[in-house]
């Protein structure tokens, strides 16, 4: 009787391990689908940038078979929206097509950071160097676009992710159970 219970416990443990692996794999597939769908609804940016902003905040394990996929709430720098310098400003490809943001420019900071900036203020900053006052120019501010969190909350994106996960889970679970049976 004891060996039968041990065998049943071991089988249950293997099923939970296979289920956890399958959940983690389909969550990663859901993240990829979310990236594709966000690009499809009009956010013209690199899929790698989108994937960085969609995080798997909880992974499934044998004890807890829950996963969580969420978009980060930080607005993305405008340079990530296919920014190009024009004579009148910077042209960016945000959700509803390419637009020119007037009086902006693309610059590389001394740290190596590249971004879309706008000058703010009306008075030049001045400092004293070698006993004379010199102008260091107007201060600048980096511009940001929409966040991935807002795009991820889009109903079309959510339904696409749910459909992908529900379609892929039985297939991946079957593969993981077959793998556990071979071990």
C-alpha atoms as a PDB file:
ATOM      1  CA  UNK A   1       0.000   0.000   0.000  1.00  0.00           C
ATOM      2  CA  UNK A   2       2.834   2.364   0.870  1.00  0.00           C
ATOM      3  CA  UNK A   3       4.586   1.870  -2.459  1.00  0.00           C
ATOM      4  CA  UNK A   4       1.340   2.585  -4.304  1.00  0.00           C
ATOM      5  CA  UNK A   5       0.988   5.904  -2.434  1.00  0.00           C
ATOM      6  CA  UNK A   6       4.641   6.740  -3.110  1.00  0.00           C
ATOM      7  CA  UNK A   7       4.127   6.049  -6.802  1.00  0.00           C
ATOM      8  CA  UNK A   8       1.001   8.186  -6.818  1.00  0.00           C
ATOM      9  CA  UNK A   9       2.809  11.048  -5.042  1.00  0.00           C
ATOM     10  CA  UNK A  10       5.705  10.845  -7.482  1.00  0.00           C
ATOM     11  CA  UNK A  11       3.311  10.861 -10.452  1.00  0.00           C
ATOM     12  CA  UNK A  12       1.505  13.858  -8.970  1.00  0.00           C
ATOM     13  CA  UNK A  13       4.839  15.661  -8.501  1.00  0.00           C
ATOM     14  CA  UNK A  14       5.816  14.960 -12.122  1.00  0.00           C
ATOM     15  CA  UNK A  15       2.466  16.260 -13.374  1.00  0.00           C
ATOM     16  CA  UNK A  16       2.878  19.472 -11.331  1.00  0.00           C
ATOM     17  CA  UNK A  17       6.442  19.947 -12.647  1.00  0.00           C
ATOM     18  CA  UNK A  18       5.299  19.428 -16.245  1.00  0.00           C
ATOM     19  CA  UNK A  19       2.374  21.801 -15.713  1.00  0.00           C
ATOM     20  CA  UNK A  20       4.646  24.502 -14.261  1.00  0.00           C
ATOM     21  CA  UNK A  21       7.062  24.224 -17.207  1.00  0.00           C
ATOM     22  CA  UNK A  22       4.172  24.336 -19.692  1.00  0.00           C
ATOM     23  CA  UNK A  23       2.705  27.425 -18.016  1.00  0.00           C
ATOM     24  CA  UNK A  24       6.061  29.223 -18.124  1.00  0.00           C
ATOM     25  CA  UNK A  25       6.545  28.376 -21.792  1.00  0.00           C
ATOM     26  CA  UNK A  26       3.086  29.532 -22.883  1.00  0.00           C
ATOM     27  CA  UNK A  27       3.479  32.717 -20.831  1.00  0.00           C
ATOM     28  CA  UNK A  28       6.631  33.454 -22.829  1.00  0.00           C
ATOM     29  CA  UNK A  29       4.640  32.722 -26.011  1.00  0.00           C
ATOM     30  CA  UNK A  30       1.968  35.127 -24.785  1.00  0.00           C
ATOM     31  CA  UNK A  31       4.622  37.806 -24.319  1.00  0.00           C
ATOM     32  CA  UNK A  32       5.811  37.322 -27.904  1.00  0.00           C
ATOM     33  CA  UNK A  33       2.226  37.479 -29.182  1.00  0.00           C
ATOM     34  CA  UNK A  34       1.623  40.662 -27.175  1.00  0.00           C
ATOM     35  CA  UNK A  35       4.673  42.222 -28.817  1.00  0.00           C
ATOM     36  CA  UNK A  36       3.410  41.281 -32.280  1.00  0.00           C
ATOM     37  CA  UNK A  37      -0.091  42.551 -31.553  1.00  0.00           C
ATOM     38  CA  UNK A  38       1.141  45.853 -30.105  1.00  0.00           C
ATOM     39  CA  UNK A  39       3.107  46.421 -33.305  1.00  0.00           C
ATOM     40  CA  UNK A  40       0.039  45.420 -35.351  1.00  0.00           C
ATOM     41  CA  UNK A  41      -2.227  48.007 -33.695  1.00  0.00           C
ATOM     42  CA  UNK A  42       0.157  50.775 -34.648  1.00  0.00           C
ATOM     43  CA  UNK A  43       3.026  51.133 -32.189  1.00  0.00           C
ATOM     44  CA  UNK A  44       5.882  51.179 -34.681  1.00  0.00           C
ATOM     45  CA  UNK A  45       8.837  50.266 -32.526  1.00  0.00           C
ATOM     46  CA  UNK A  46      11.295  47.415 -32.243  1.00  0.00           C
ATOM     47  CA  UNK A  47       9.808  44.206 -30.912  1.00  0.00           C
ATOM     48  CA  UNK A  48      12.785  43.832 -28.569  1.00  0.00           C
ATOM     49  CA  UNK A  49      11.935  47.161 -26.936  1.00  0.00           C
ATOM     50  CA  UNK A  50       8.353  46.015 -26.465  1.00  0.00           C
ATOM     51  CA  UNK A  51       9.419  42.664 -25.006  1.00  0.00           C
ATOM     52  CA  UNK A  52      11.693  44.410 -22.504  1.00  0.00           C
ATOM     53  CA  UNK A  53       8.698  46.389 -21.260  1.00  0.00           C
ATOM     54  CA  UNK A  54       6.436  43.321 -20.934  1.00  0.00           C
ATOM     55  CA  UNK A  55       7.667  41.326 -17.977  1.00  0.00           C
ATOM     56  CA  UNK A  56       6.797  37.938 -16.588  1.00  0.00           C
ATOM     57  CA  UNK A  57       6.459  39.084 -12.995  1.00  0.00           C
ATOM     58  CA  UNK A  58       5.607  35.654 -11.585  1.00  0.00           C
ATOM     59  CA  UNK A  59       6.765  32.307 -12.886  1.00  0.00           C
ATOM     60  CA  UNK A  60       4.998  29.043 -12.102  1.00  0.00           C
ATOM     61  CA  UNK A  61       6.700  26.427  -9.970  1.00  0.00           C
ATOM     62  CA  UNK A  62       5.709  23.086  -8.515  1.00  0.00           C
ATOM     63  CA  UNK A  63       4.215  24.651  -5.378  1.00  0.00           C
ATOM     64  CA  UNK A  64       2.469  27.589  -7.070  1.00  0.00           C
ATOM     65  CA  UNK A  65       1.024  27.094 -10.560  1.00  0.00           C
ATOM     66  CA  UNK A  66       0.443  30.803 -11.270  1.00  0.00           C
ATOM     67  CA  UNK A  67       2.095  33.042 -13.835  1.00  0.00           C
ATOM     68  CA  UNK A  68       1.716  36.766 -14.340  1.00  0.00           C
ATOM     69  CA  UNK A  69       2.422  38.820 -17.451  1.00  0.00           C
ATOM     70  CA  UNK A  70       2.311  42.617 -17.194  1.00  0.00           C
ATOM     71  CA  UNK A  71       3.429  45.716 -19.063  1.00  0.00           C
ATOM     72  CA  UNK A  72       5.679  48.222 -17.338  1.00  0.00           C
ATOM     73  CA  UNK A  73       4.278  51.670 -16.758  1.00  0.00           C
ATOM     74  CA  UNK A  74       7.241  53.776 -17.817  1.00  0.00           C
ATOM     75  CA  UNK A  75       6.726  55.981 -20.869  1.00  0.00           C
ATOM     76  CA  UNK A  76       9.168  55.080 -23.622  1.00  0.00           C
ATOM     77  CA  UNK A  77      11.687  57.585 -24.969  1.00  0.00           C
ATOM     78  CA  UNK A  78      10.482  59.129 -28.218  1.00  0.00           C
ATOM     79  CA  UNK A  79      13.701  58.036 -29.951  1.00  0.00           C
ATOM     80  CA  UNK A  80      12.342  54.448 -29.899  1.00  0.00           C
ATOM     81  CA  UNK A  81       9.476  55.404 -32.214  1.00  0.00           C
ATOM     82  CA  UNK A  82      11.584  55.404 -35.405  1.00  0.00           C
ATOM     83  CA  UNK A  83      12.674  59.011 -34.866  1.00  0.00           C
ATOM     84  CA  UNK A  84      14.251  60.944 -37.760  1.00  0.00           C
ATOM     85  CA  UNK A  85      15.599  64.469 -37.780  1.00  0.00           C
ATOM     86  CA  UNK A  86      13.970  66.893 -40.232  1.00  0.00           C
ATOM     87  CA  UNK A  87      14.484  70.602 -40.884  1.00  0.00           C
ATOM     88  CA  UNK A  88      11.539  71.632 -38.690  1.00  0.00           C
ATOM     89  CA  UNK A  89      11.846  69.056 -35.910  1.00  0.00           C
ATOM     90  CA  UNK A  90      11.852  65.319 -35.360  1.00  0.00           C
ATOM     91  CA  UNK A  91       9.540  62.959 -37.220  1.00  0.00           C
ATOM     92  CA  UNK A  92       8.297  60.022 -35.122  1.00  0.00           C
ATOM     93  CA  UNK A  93       6.055  57.092 -35.976  1.00  0.00           C
ATOM     94  CA  UNK A  94       3.673  56.823 -33.035  1.00  0.00           C
ATOM     95  CA  UNK A  95       0.343  54.969 -32.995  1.00  0.00           C
ATOM     96  CA  UNK A  96      -1.609  56.850 -35.668  1.00  0.00           C
ATOM     97  CA  UNK A  97       1.205  57.353 -38.182  1.00  0.00           C
ATOM     98  CA  UNK A  98       4.247  59.513 -38.654  1.00  0.00           C
ATOM     99  CA  UNK A  99       4.143  62.987 -37.117  1.00  0.00           C
ATOM    100  CA  UNK A 100       6.620  65.838 -36.892  1.00  0.00           C
ATOM    101  CA  UNK A 101       7.240  67.283 -33.441  1.00  0.00           C
ATOM    102  CA  UNK A 102       8.323  70.875 -34.163  1.00  0.00           C
ATOM    103  CA  UNK A 103      11.313  72.541 -32.488  1.00  0.00           C
ATOM    104  CA  UNK A 104      12.844  69.244 -31.353  1.00  0.00           C
ATOM    105  CA  UNK A 105      16.167  67.646 -32.139  1.00  0.00           C
ATOM    106  CA  UNK A 106      17.998  64.351 -31.769  1.00  0.00           C
ATOM    107  CA  UNK A 107      21.115  64.528 -29.619  1.00  0.00           C
ATOM    108  CA  UNK A 108      23.657  62.202 -28.043  1.00  0.00           C
ATOM    109  CA  UNK A 109      24.531  63.047 -24.458  1.00  0.00           C
ATOM    110  CA  UNK A 110      28.096  62.807 -23.100  1.00  0.00           C
ATOM    111  CA  UNK A 111      27.045  59.552 -21.399  1.00  0.00           C
ATOM    112  CA  UNK A 112      26.230  58.067 -24.819  1.00  0.00           C
ATOM    113  CA  UNK A 113      22.446  58.254 -24.330  1.00  0.00           C
ATOM    114  CA  UNK A 114      20.605  59.183 -27.540  1.00  0.00           C
ATOM    115  CA  UNK A 115      17.223  60.872 -27.382  1.00  0.00           C
ATOM    116  CA  UNK A 116      14.736  63.392 -28.734  1.00  0.00           C
ATOM    117  CA  UNK A 117      15.037  66.694 -26.886  1.00  0.00           C
ATOM    118  CA  UNK A 118      13.407  70.115 -26.782  1.00  0.00           C
ATOM    119  CA  UNK A 119      14.839  73.330 -25.379  1.00  0.00           C
ATOM    120  CA  UNK A 120      12.971  74.713 -22.389  1.00  0.00           C
ATOM    121  CA  UNK A 121      13.004  78.110 -20.805  1.00  0.00           C
ATOM    122  CA  UNK A 122      13.701  81.527 -22.250  1.00  0.00           C
ATOM    123  CA  UNK A 123      16.916  82.527 -20.499  1.00  0.00           C
ATOM    124  CA  UNK A 124      20.333  81.126 -21.123  1.00  0.00           C
ATOM    125  CA  UNK A 125      22.232  79.500 -18.314  1.00  0.00           C
ATOM    126  CA  UNK A 126      25.392  81.400 -17.533  1.00  0.00           C
ATOM    127  CA  UNK A 127      28.453  80.459 -15.595  1.00  0.00           C
ATOM    128  CA  UNK A 128      31.708  82.151 -14.766  1.00  0.00           C
ATOM    129  CA  UNK A 129      34.877  80.739 -16.275  1.00  0.00           C
ATOM    130  CA  UNK A 130      38.266  82.409 -15.891  1.00  0.00           C
ATOM    131  CA  UNK A 131      36.640  85.553 -14.486  1.00  0.00           C
ATOM    132  CA  UNK A 132      34.216  86.051 -17.380  1.00  0.00           C
ATOM    133  CA  UNK A 133      30.604  85.059 -17.859  1.00  0.00           C
ATOM    134  CA  UNK A 134      29.882  82.547 -20.591  1.00  0.00           C
ATOM    135  CA  UNK A 135      26.569  81.188 -21.833  1.00  0.00           C
ATOM    136  CA  UNK A 136      26.044  77.439 -21.724  1.00  0.00           C
ATOM    137  CA  UNK A 137      22.803  77.565 -23.736  1.00  0.00           C
ATOM    138  CA  UNK A 138      19.206  76.852 -22.880  1.00  0.00           C
ATOM    139  CA  UNK A 139      18.372  73.807 -20.776  1.00  0.00           C
ATOM    140  CA  UNK A 140      16.939  70.785 -22.628  1.00  0.00           C
ATOM    141  CA  UNK A 141      14.374  68.144 -21.733  1.00  0.00           C
ATOM    142  CA  UNK A 142      13.945  64.652 -23.194  1.00  0.00           C
ATOM    143  CA  UNK A 143      10.562  63.788 -24.723  1.00  0.00           C
ATOM    144  CA  UNK A 144       8.691  60.534 -24.137  1.00  0.00           C
ATOM    145  CA  UNK A 145       5.891  58.701 -25.930  1.00  0.00           C
ATOM    146  CA  UNK A 146       3.176  56.356 -24.659  1.00  0.00           C
ATOM    147  CA  UNK A 147       3.955  53.473 -22.337  1.00  0.00           C
ATOM    148  CA  UNK A 148       3.791  49.776 -23.149  1.00  0.00           C
ATOM    149  CA  UNK A 149       1.479  49.367 -20.155  1.00  0.00           C
ATOM    150  CA  UNK A 150      -1.194  51.381 -21.986  1.00  0.00           C
ATOM    151  CA  UNK A 151      -0.684  49.418 -25.203  1.00  0.00           C
ATOM    152  CA  UNK A 152      -0.722  46.090 -23.328  1.00  0.00           C
ATOM    153  CA  UNK A 153      -4.065  47.019 -21.726  1.00  0.00           C
ATOM    154  CA  UNK A 154      -5.650  47.379 -25.184  1.00  0.00           C
ATOM    155  CA  UNK A 155      -8.578  44.886 -25.494  1.00  0.00           C
ATOM    156  CA  UNK A 156      -7.312  43.590 -28.860  1.00  0.00           C
ATOM    157  CA  UNK A 157      -3.897  42.829 -27.378  1.00  0.00           C
ATOM    158  CA  UNK A 158      -5.427  41.164 -24.298  1.00  0.00           C
ATOM    159  CA  UNK A 159      -7.733  38.908 -26.329  1.00  0.00           C
ATOM    160  CA  UNK A 160      -4.899  37.943 -28.671  1.00  0.00           C
ATOM    161  CA  UNK A 161      -2.668  36.975 -25.743  1.00  0.00           C
ATOM    162  CA  UNK A 162      -5.452  34.978 -24.073  1.00  0.00           C
ATOM    163  CA  UNK A 163      -6.234  33.165 -27.335  1.00  0.00           C
ATOM    164  CA  UNK A 164      -2.575  32.281 -27.869  1.00  0.00           C
ATOM    165  CA  UNK A 165      -2.180  30.950 -24.346  1.00  0.00           C
ATOM    166  CA  UNK A 166      -5.391  28.921 -24.450  1.00  0.00           C
ATOM    167  CA  UNK A 167      -4.462  27.422 -27.848  1.00  0.00           C
ATOM    168  CA  UNK A 168      -0.832  26.638 -26.961  1.00  0.00           C
ATOM    169  CA  UNK A 169      -1.261  25.331 -23.394  1.00  0.00           C
ATOM    170  CA  UNK A 170      -2.751  21.874 -24.196  1.00  0.00           C
ATOM    171  CA  UNK A 171      -0.078  21.250 -26.850  1.00  0.00           C
ATOM    172  CA  UNK A 172       2.833  22.287 -24.641  1.00  0.00           C
ATOM    173  CA  UNK A 173       1.411  20.428 -21.612  1.00  0.00           C
ATOM    174  CA  UNK A 174       1.158  17.242 -23.676  1.00  0.00           C
ATOM    175  CA  UNK A 175       4.819  17.672 -24.740  1.00  0.00           C
ATOM    176  CA  UNK A 176       5.966  18.289 -21.155  1.00  0.00           C
ATOM    177  CA  UNK A 177       4.046  15.278 -19.833  1.00  0.00           C
ATOM    178  CA  UNK A 178       5.620  13.087 -22.526  1.00  0.00           C
ATOM    179  CA  UNK A 179       9.050  14.425 -21.513  1.00  0.00           C
ATOM    180  CA  UNK A 180       8.386  13.609 -17.842  1.00  0.00           C
ATOM    181  CA  UNK A 181       7.244  10.097 -18.790  1.00  0.00           C
ATOM    182  CA  UNK A 182      10.575   9.479 -20.562  1.00  0.00           C
ATOM    183  CA  UNK A 183      12.639  10.484 -17.522  1.00  0.00           C
END
